[in-house]
Amino acid sequence: MTAPIFRFKGRAIPFRPGESVAAALDAAGVTSLGHDALGQANRYFCGIGACQNCVALIDGVVRETCLTPATPGMIVVPMEDAGG
C-alpha cells in the first residue's frame, strides 16, 4: 500500500493518517518552511500553534502547519512563495 501524499514546493510528501503537515515535512527532511518578511527562517518550532513560526499557505489558506492534519492532495506553499 502506498502512503498518501501532499505537495510542498512541488515535492511529494508522504504522511501517516493523523499526522500534521509539520510532522510529515519534518519526517521527510524538510527543515525550513521558507523565510518571513524580515528574512528569518520559518520552521516547525513549538508544535502547538503558539509561536506561529510554521505558518504556510495550505490549499489557499494561511494555517499553522503544526495544527493542520495532512490530507491527500493538499498543496502547501511557503509564505514567501505565496505572492501577495
PDB file of N, CA and C in Angstrom:
ATOM      1  N   MET A   1       0.840  -1.179   0.000  1.00  0.00           N
ATOM      2  CA  MET A   1       0.000   0.000   0.000  1.00  0.00           C
ATOM      3  C   MET A   1       0.887   1.245   0.000  1.00  0.00           C
ATOM      4  N   THR A   2       0.553   2.199  -0.823  1.00  0.00           N
ATOM      5  CA  THR A   2       1.312   3.432  -0.939  1.00  0.00           C
ATOM      6  C   THR A   2       0.786   4.461   0.064  1.00  0.00           C
ATOM      7  N   ALA A   3       1.717   5.184   0.695  1.00  0.00           N
ATOM      8  CA  ALA A   3       1.323   6.225   1.650  1.00  0.00           C
ATOM      9  C   ALA A   3       0.652   7.373   0.907  1.00  0.00           C
ATOM     10  N   PRO A   4      -0.341   8.010   1.537  1.00  0.00           N
ATOM     11  CA  PRO A   4      -0.922   9.206   0.920  1.00  0.00           C
ATOM     12  C   PRO A   4       0.125  10.309   0.872  1.00  0.00           C
ATOM     13  N   ILE A   5      -0.068  11.261  -0.032  1.00  0.00           N
ATOM     14  CA  ILE A   5       0.895  12.363  -0.162  1.00  0.00           C
ATOM     15  C   ILE A   5       0.181  13.710  -0.259  1.00  0.00           C
ATOM     16  N   PHE A   6       0.925  14.756   0.094  1.00  0.00           N
ATOM     17  CA  PHE A   6       0.549  16.127  -0.239  1.00  0.00           C
ATOM     18  C   PHE A   6       1.770  16.731  -0.917  1.00  0.00           C
ATOM     19  N   ARG A   7       1.640  17.947  -1.425  1.00  0.00           N
ATOM     20  CA  ARG A   7       2.738  18.597  -2.149  1.00  0.00           C
ATOM     21  C   ARG A   7       3.252  19.809  -1.379  1.00  0.00           C
ATOM     22  N   PHE A   8       4.572  19.917  -1.293  1.00  0.00           N
ATOM     23  CA  PHE A   8       5.249  21.078  -0.715  1.00  0.00           C
ATOM     24  C   PHE A   8       6.296  21.525  -1.718  1.00  0.00           C
ATOM     25  N   LYS A   9       6.102  22.713  -2.272  1.00  0.00           N
ATOM     26  CA  LYS A   9       7.015  23.246  -3.287  1.00  0.00           C
ATOM     27  C   LYS A   9       7.184  22.247  -4.436  1.00  0.00           C
ATOM     28  N   GLY A  10       6.102  21.578  -4.792  1.00  0.00           N
ATOM     29  CA  GLY A  10       6.113  20.625  -5.886  1.00  0.00           C
ATOM     30  C   GLY A  10       6.595  19.232  -5.514  1.00  0.00           C
ATOM     31  N   ARG A  11       7.125  19.078  -4.331  1.00  0.00           N
ATOM     32  CA  ARG A  11       7.658  17.790  -3.877  1.00  0.00           C
ATOM     33  C   ARG A  11       6.561  16.962  -3.209  1.00  0.00           C
ATOM     34  N   ALA A  12       6.505  15.692  -3.534  1.00  0.00           N
ATOM     35  CA  ALA A  12       5.538  14.789  -2.908  1.00  0.00           C
ATOM     36  C   ALA A  12       6.016  14.451  -1.496  1.00  0.00           C
ATOM     37  N   ILE A  13       5.159  14.714  -0.503  1.00  0.00           N
ATOM     38  CA  ILE A  13       5.484  14.442   0.893  1.00  0.00           C
ATOM     39  C   ILE A  13       4.540  13.352   1.405  1.00  0.00           C
ATOM     40  N   PRO A  14       5.057  12.180   1.732  1.00  0.00           N
ATOM     41  CA  PRO A  14       4.194  11.128   2.269  1.00  0.00           C
ATOM     42  C   PRO A  14       3.850  11.416   3.734  1.00  0.00           C
ATOM     43  N   PHE A  15       2.734  10.903   4.179  1.00  0.00           N
ATOM     44  CA  PHE A  15       2.356  11.078   5.584  1.00  0.00           C
ATOM     45  C   PHE A  15       1.550   9.884   6.067  1.00  0.00           C
ATOM     46  N   ARG A  16       1.474   9.776   7.389  1.00  0.00           N
ATOM     47  CA  ARG A  16       0.662   8.739   8.022  1.00  0.00           C
ATOM     48  C   ARG A  16      -0.673   9.350   8.429  1.00  0.00           C
ATOM     49  N   PRO A  17      -1.731   8.580   8.426  1.00  0.00           N
ATOM     50  CA  PRO A  17      -3.032   9.107   8.859  1.00  0.00           C
ATOM     51  C   PRO A  17      -2.933   9.735  10.247  1.00  0.00           C
ATOM     52  N   GLY A  18      -3.507  10.936  10.392  1.00  0.00           N
ATOM     53  CA  GLY A  18      -3.498  11.649  11.665  1.00  0.00           C
ATOM     54  C   GLY A  18      -2.279  12.523  11.890  1.00  0.00           C
ATOM     55  N   GLU A  19      -1.316  12.458  10.992  1.00  0.00           N
ATOM     56  CA  GLU A  19      -0.090  13.237  11.140  1.00  0.00           C
ATOM     57  C   GLU A  19      -0.315  14.682  10.704  1.00  0.00           C
ATOM     58  N   SER A  20       0.317  15.618  11.406  1.00  0.00           N
ATOM     59  CA  SER A  20       0.219  17.018  10.999  1.00  0.00           C
ATOM     60  C   SER A  20       1.099  17.266   9.782  1.00  0.00           C
ATOM     61  N   VAL A  21       0.818  18.362   9.097  1.00  0.00           N
ATOM     62  CA  VAL A  21       1.644  18.756   7.955  1.00  0.00           C
ATOM     63  C   VAL A  21       3.090  18.959   8.413  1.00  0.00           C
ATOM     64  N   ALA A  22       3.286  19.642   9.534  1.00  0.00           N
ATOM     65  CA  ALA A  22       4.642  19.905  10.033  1.00  0.00           C
ATOM     66  C   ALA A  22       5.379  18.610  10.358  1.00  0.00           C
ATOM     67  N   ALA A  23       4.717  17.667  10.989  1.00  0.00           N
ATOM     68  CA  ALA A  23       5.359  16.396  11.343  1.00  0.00           C
ATOM     69  C   ALA A  23       5.756  15.626  10.086  1.00  0.00           C
ATOM     70  N   ALA A  24       4.889  15.634   9.084  1.00  0.00           N
ATOM     71  CA  ALA A  24       5.197  14.939   7.825  1.00  0.00           C
ATOM     72  C   ALA A  24       6.372  15.604   7.117  1.00  0.00           C
ATOM     73  N   LEU A  25       6.398  16.943   7.115  1.00  0.00           N
ATOM     74  CA  LEU A  25       7.516  17.653   6.496  1.00  0.00           C
ATOM     75  C   LEU A  25       8.814  17.334   7.228  1.00  0.00           C
ATOM     76  N   ASP A  26       8.763  17.335   8.547  1.00  0.00           N
ATOM     77  CA  ASP A  26       9.940  17.021   9.354  1.00  0.00           C
ATOM     78  C   ASP A  26      10.433  15.599   9.063  1.00  0.00           C
ATOM     79  N   ALA A  27       9.514  14.653   8.998  1.00  0.00           N
ATOM     80  CA  ALA A  27       9.877  13.262   8.713  1.00  0.00           C
ATOM     81  C   ALA A  27      10.489  13.121   7.315  1.00  0.00           C
ATOM     82  N   ALA A  28      10.096  14.008   6.400  1.00  0.00           N
ATOM     83  CA  ALA A  28      10.625  13.974   5.032  1.00  0.00           C
ATOM     84  C   ALA A  28      11.938  14.753   4.905  1.00  0.00           C
ATOM     85  N   GLY A  29      12.422  15.297   6.018  1.00  0.00           N
ATOM     86  CA  GLY A  29      13.695  16.012   5.997  1.00  0.00           C
ATOM     87  C   GLY A  29      13.600  17.484   5.657  1.00  0.00           C
ATOM     88  N   VAL A  30      12.383  18.031   5.613  1.00  0.00           N
ATOM     89  CA  VAL A  30      12.203  19.457   5.323  1.00  0.00           C
ATOM     90  C   VAL A  30      12.361  20.212   6.636  1.00  0.00           C
ATOM     91  N   THR A  31      13.406  21.032   6.742  1.00  0.00           N
ATOM     92  CA  THR A  31      13.674  21.753   7.984  1.00  0.00           C
ATOM     93  C   THR A  31      13.321  23.231   7.910  1.00  0.00           C
ATOM     94  N   SER A  32      13.091  23.748   6.719  1.00  0.00           N
ATOM     95  CA  SER A  32      12.755  25.158   6.565  1.00  0.00           C
ATOM     96  C   SER A  32      11.454  25.295   5.787  1.00  0.00           C
ATOM     97  N   LEU A  33      10.585  26.151   6.292  1.00  0.00           N
ATOM     98  CA  LEU A  33       9.324  26.444   5.608  1.00  0.00           C
ATOM     99  C   LEU A  33       9.409  27.777   4.883  1.00  0.00           C
ATOM    100  N   GLY A  34      10.628  28.193   4.556  1.00  0.00           N
ATOM    101  CA  GLY A  34      10.826  29.469   3.882  1.00  0.00           C
ATOM    102  C   GLY A  34      11.290  30.530   4.856  1.00  0.00           C
ATOM    103  N   HIS A  35      11.071  31.795   4.491  1.00  0.00           N
ATOM    104  CA  HIS A  35      11.507  32.925   5.317  1.00  0.00           C
ATOM    105  C   HIS A  35      10.389  33.944   5.432  1.00  0.00           C
ATOM    106  N   ASP A  36      10.390  34.660   6.556  1.00  0.00           N
ATOM    107  CA  ASP A  36       9.391  35.708   6.752  1.00  0.00           C
ATOM    108  C   ASP A  36       9.844  37.002   6.075  1.00  0.00           C
ATOM    109  N   ALA A  37       9.065  38.054   6.235  1.00  0.00           N
ATOM    110  CA  ALA A  37       9.351  39.329   5.570  1.00  0.00           C
ATOM    111  C   ALA A  37      10.668  39.958   6.033  1.00  0.00           C
ATOM    112  N   LEU A  38      11.164  39.553   7.206  1.00  0.00           N
ATOM    113  CA  LEU A  38      12.426  40.078   7.717  1.00  0.00           C
ATOM    114  C   LEU A  38      13.601  39.176   7.387  1.00  0.00           C
ATOM    115  N   GLY A  39      13.331  38.089   6.650  1.00  0.00           N
ATOM    116  CA  GLY A  39      14.396  37.176   6.259  1.00  0.00           C
ATOM    117  C   GLY A  39      14.693  36.083   7.265  1.00  0.00           C
ATOM    118  N   GLN A  40      13.908  36.021   8.339  1.00  0.00           N
ATOM    119  CA  GLN A  40      14.110  34.986   9.349  1.00  0.00           C
ATOM    120  C   GLN A  40      13.477  33.678   8.882  1.00  0.00           C
ATOM    121  N   ALA A  41      14.110  32.567   9.195  1.00  0.00           N
ATOM    122  CA  ALA A  41      13.611  31.256   8.771  1.00  0.00           C
ATOM    123  C   ALA A  41      12.296  30.920   9.479  1.00  0.00           C
ATOM    124  N   ASN A  42      11.330  30.444   8.712  1.00  0.00           N
ATOM    125  CA  ASN A  42      10.110  29.870   9.265  1.00  0.00           C
ATOM    126  C   ASN A  42      10.357  28.379   9.385  1.00  0.00           C
ATOM    127  N   ARG A  43       9.997  27.809  10.531  1.00  0.00           N
ATOM    128  CA  ARG A  43      10.244  26.391  10.743  1.00  0.00           C
ATOM    129  C   ARG A  43       9.280  25.837  11.782  1.00  0.00           C
ATOM    130  N   TYR A  44       9.278  24.538  11.877  1.00  0.00           N
ATOM    131  CA  TYR A  44       8.494  23.829  12.886  1.00  0.00           C
ATOM    132  C   TYR A  44       9.203  24.047  14.207  1.00  0.00           C
ATOM    133  N   PHE A  45       8.522  24.680  15.181  1.00  0.00           N
ATOM    134  CA  PHE A  45       9.205  25.025  16.422  1.00  0.00           C
ATOM    135  C   PHE A  45       8.466  24.499  17.644  1.00  0.00           C
ATOM    136  N   CYS A  46       7.338  25.111  18.008  1.00  0.00           N
ATOM    137  CA  CYS A  46       6.679  24.744  19.263  1.00  0.00           C
ATOM    138  C   CYS A  46       5.779  23.512  19.135  1.00  0.00           C
ATOM    139  N   GLY A  47       5.188  23.323  17.981  1.00  0.00           N
ATOM    140  CA  GLY A  47       4.330  22.157  17.768  1.00  0.00           C
ATOM    141  C   GLY A  47       2.923  22.272  18.320  1.00  0.00           C
ATOM    142  N   ILE A  48       2.573  23.442  18.895  1.00  0.00           N
ATOM    143  CA  ILE A  48       1.235  23.603  19.472  1.00  0.00           C
ATOM    144  C   ILE A  48       0.514  24.856  18.969  1.00  0.00           C
ATOM    145  N   GLY A  49       1.059  25.512  17.971  1.00  0.00           N
ATOM    146  CA  GLY A  49       0.412  26.670  17.373  1.00  0.00           C
ATOM    147  C   GLY A  49       0.629  27.985  18.097  1.00  0.00           C
ATOM    148  N   ALA A  50       1.402  27.980  19.175  1.00  0.00           N
ATOM    149  CA  ALA A  50       1.601  29.201  19.959  1.00  0.00           C
ATOM    150  C   ALA A  50       2.535  30.197  19.287  1.00  0.00           C
ATOM    151  N   CYS A  51       3.568  29.712  18.619  1.00  0.00           N
ATOM    152  CA  CYS A  51       4.579  30.628  18.066  1.00  0.00           C
ATOM    153  C   CYS A  51       4.248  31.091  16.647  1.00  0.00           C
ATOM    154  N   GLN A  52       3.418  30.368  15.955  1.00  0.00           N
ATOM    155  CA  GLN A  52       3.044  30.658  14.561  1.00  0.00           C
ATOM    156  C   GLN A  52       4.253  30.800  13.648  1.00  0.00           C
ATOM    157  N   ASN A  53       5.333  30.117  13.990  1.00  0.00           N
ATOM    158  CA  ASN A  53       6.533  30.154  13.163  1.00  0.00           C
ATOM    159  C   ASN A  53       6.447  29.200  11.982  1.00  0.00           C
ATOM    160  N   CYS A  54       5.446  28.318  11.991  1.00  0.00           N
ATOM    161  CA  CYS A  54       5.344  27.307  10.934  1.00  0.00           C
ATOM    162  C   CYS A  54       4.213  27.601   9.950  1.00  0.00           C
ATOM    163  N   VAL A  55       3.756  28.851   9.907  1.00  0.00           N
ATOM    164  CA  VAL A  55       2.646  29.158   9.005  1.00  0.00           C
ATOM    165  C   VAL A  55       3.041  28.969   7.548  1.00  0.00           C
ATOM    166  N   ALA A  56       2.075  28.502   6.780  1.00  0.00           N
ATOM    167  CA  ALA A  56       2.239  28.307   5.341  1.00  0.00           C
ATOM    168  C   ALA A  56       0.862  28.462   4.708  1.00  0.00           C
ATOM    169  N   LEU A  57       0.845  28.604   3.410  1.00  0.00           N
ATOM    170  CA  LEU A  57      -0.410  28.652   2.672  1.00  0.00           C
ATOM    171  C   LEU A  57      -0.789  27.201   2.357  1.00  0.00           C
ATOM    172  N   ILE A  58      -1.883  26.756   2.927  1.00  0.00           N
ATOM    173  CA  ILE A  58      -2.327  25.373   2.740  1.00  0.00           C
ATOM    174  C   ILE A  58      -3.664  25.403   2.013  1.00  0.00           C
ATOM    175  N   ASP A  59      -3.649  24.904   0.796  1.00  0.00           N
ATOM    176  CA  ASP A  59      -4.844  24.937  -0.054  1.00  0.00           C
ATOM    177  C   ASP A  59      -5.466  26.335  -0.103  1.00  0.00           C
ATOM    178  N   GLY A  60      -4.588  27.346  -0.183  1.00  0.00           N
ATOM    179  CA  GLY A  60      -5.035  28.723  -0.343  1.00  0.00           C
ATOM    180  C   GLY A  60      -5.366  29.473   0.931  1.00  0.00           C
ATOM    181  N   VAL A  61      -5.172  28.833   2.092  1.00  0.00           N
ATOM    182  CA  VAL A  61      -5.497  29.459   3.377  1.00  0.00           C
ATOM    183  C   VAL A  61      -4.249  29.458   4.258  1.00  0.00           C
ATOM    184  N   VAL A  62      -3.965  30.588   4.920  1.00  0.00           N
ATOM    185  CA  VAL A  62      -2.828  30.660   5.837  1.00  0.00           C
ATOM    186  C   VAL A  62      -3.168  29.852   7.088  1.00  0.00           C
ATOM    187  N   ARG A  63      -2.315  28.878   7.396  1.00  0.00           N
ATOM    188  CA  ARG A  63      -2.552  27.994   8.547  1.00  0.00           C
ATOM    189  C   ARG A  63      -1.224  27.620   9.206  1.00  0.00           C
ATOM    190  N   GLU A  64      -1.320  27.239  10.486  1.00  0.00           N
ATOM    191  CA  GLU A  64      -0.154  26.682  11.177  1.00  0.00           C
ATOM    192  C   GLU A  64      -0.005  25.232  10.730  1.00  0.00           C
ATOM    193  N   THR A  65       1.167  24.882  10.230  1.00  0.00           N
ATOM    194  CA  THR A  65       1.362  23.509   9.750  1.00  0.00           C
ATOM    195  C   THR A  65       1.364  22.504  10.894  1.00  0.00           C
ATOM    196  N   CYS A  66       1.712  22.944  12.101  1.00  0.00           N
ATOM    197  CA  CYS A  66       1.752  22.019  13.238  1.00  0.00           C
ATOM    198  C   CYS A  66       0.358  21.631  13.728  1.00  0.00           C
ATOM    199  N   LEU A  67      -0.650  22.435  13.401  1.00  0.00           N
ATOM    200  CA  LEU A  67      -2.023  22.157  13.844  1.00  0.00           C
ATOM    201  C   LEU A  67      -2.897  21.588  12.742  1.00  0.00           C
ATOM    202  N   THR A  68      -2.405  21.580  11.522  1.00  0.00           N
ATOM    203  CA  THR A  68      -3.217  21.172  10.377  1.00  0.00           C
ATOM    204  C   THR A  68      -2.947  19.717  10.022  1.00  0.00           C
ATOM    205  N   PRO A  69      -3.973  18.873  10.100  1.00  0.00           N
ATOM    206  CA  PRO A  69      -3.775  17.475   9.704  1.00  0.00           C
ATOM    207  C   PRO A  69      -3.496  17.381   8.204  1.00  0.00           C
ATOM    208  N   ALA A  70      -2.547  16.554   7.853  1.00  0.00           N
ATOM    209  CA  ALA A  70      -2.240  16.321   6.446  1.00  0.00           C
ATOM    210  C   ALA A  70      -3.394  15.564   5.795  1.00  0.00           C
ATOM    211  N   THR A  71      -3.736  15.952   4.572  1.00  0.00           N
ATOM    212  CA  THR A  71      -4.759  15.251   3.811  1.00  0.00           C
ATOM    213  C   THR A  71      -4.242  15.003   2.396  1.00  0.00           C
ATOM    214  N   PRO A  72      -4.672  13.926   1.784  1.00  0.00           N
ATOM    215  CA  PRO A  72      -4.181  13.607   0.442  1.00  0.00           C
ATOM    216  C   PRO A  72      -4.478  14.724  -0.557  1.00  0.00           C
ATOM    217  N   GLY A  73      -3.458  15.069  -1.338  1.00  0.00           N
ATOM    218  CA  GLY A  73      -3.635  16.035  -2.409  1.00  0.00           C
ATOM    219  C   GLY A  73      -3.529  17.493  -2.017  1.00  0.00           C
ATOM    220  N   MET A  74      -3.383  17.796  -0.722  1.00  0.00           N
ATOM    221  CA  MET A  74      -3.285  19.209  -0.337  1.00  0.00           C
ATOM    222  C   MET A  74      -2.011  19.814  -0.904  1.00  0.00           C
ATOM    223  N   ILE A  75      -2.061  21.120  -1.105  1.00  0.00           N
ATOM    224  CA  ILE A  75      -0.922  21.871  -1.639  1.00  0.00           C
ATOM    225  C   ILE A  75      -0.447  22.827  -0.550  1.00  0.00           C
ATOM    226  N   VAL A  76       0.823  22.709  -0.173  1.00  0.00           N
ATOM    227  CA  VAL A  76       1.418  23.540   0.871  1.00  0.00           C
ATOM    228  C   VAL A  76       2.480  24.420   0.217  1.00  0.00           C
ATOM    229  N   VAL A  77       2.354  25.733   0.442  1.00  0.00           N
ATOM    230  CA  VAL A  77       3.247  26.711  -0.176  1.00  0.00           C
ATOM    231  C   VAL A  77       3.858  27.587   0.911  1.00  0.00           C
ATOM    232  N   PRO A  78       5.181  27.752   0.935  1.00  0.00           N
ATOM    233  CA  PRO A  78       5.790  28.671   1.900  1.00  0.00           C
ATOM    234  C   PRO A  78       5.219  30.080   1.712  1.00  0.00           C
ATOM    235  N   MET A  79       5.108  30.837   2.780  1.00  0.00           N
ATOM    236  CA  MET A  79       4.553  32.188   2.713  1.00  0.00           C
ATOM    237  C   MET A  79       5.343  33.075   1.759  1.00  0.00           C
ATOM    238  N   GLU A  80       6.653  32.897   1.670  1.00  0.00           N
ATOM    239  CA  GLU A  80       7.465  33.730   0.782  1.00  0.00           C
ATOM    240  C   GLU A  80       7.146  33.466  -0.682  1.00  0.00           C
ATOM    241  N   ASP A  81       6.568  32.310  -0.971  1.00  0.00           N
ATOM    242  CA  ASP A  81       6.204  31.967  -2.344  1.00  0.00           C
ATOM    243  C   ASP A  81       4.720  32.176  -2.631  1.00  0.00           C
ATOM    244  N   ALA A  82       3.987  32.686  -1.645  1.00  0.00           N
ATOM    245  CA  ALA A  82       2.539  32.796  -1.759  1.00  0.00           C
ATOM    246  C   ALA A  82       2.107  34.000  -2.598  1.00  0.00           C
ATOM    247  N   GLY A  83       3.008  34.905  -2.873  1.00  0.00           N
ATOM    248  CA  GLY A  83       2.624  36.108  -3.609  1.00  0.00           C
ATOM    249  C   GLY A  83       1.867  37.059  -2.699  1.00  0.00           C
ATOM    250  N   GLY A  84       1.348  38.057  -3.274  1.00  0.00           N
ATOM    251  CA  GLY A  84       0.566  38.841  -2.366  1.00  0.00           C
ATOM    252  C   GLY A  84       0.562  40.256  -2.552  1.00  0.00           C
TER     253      GLY A  84
END
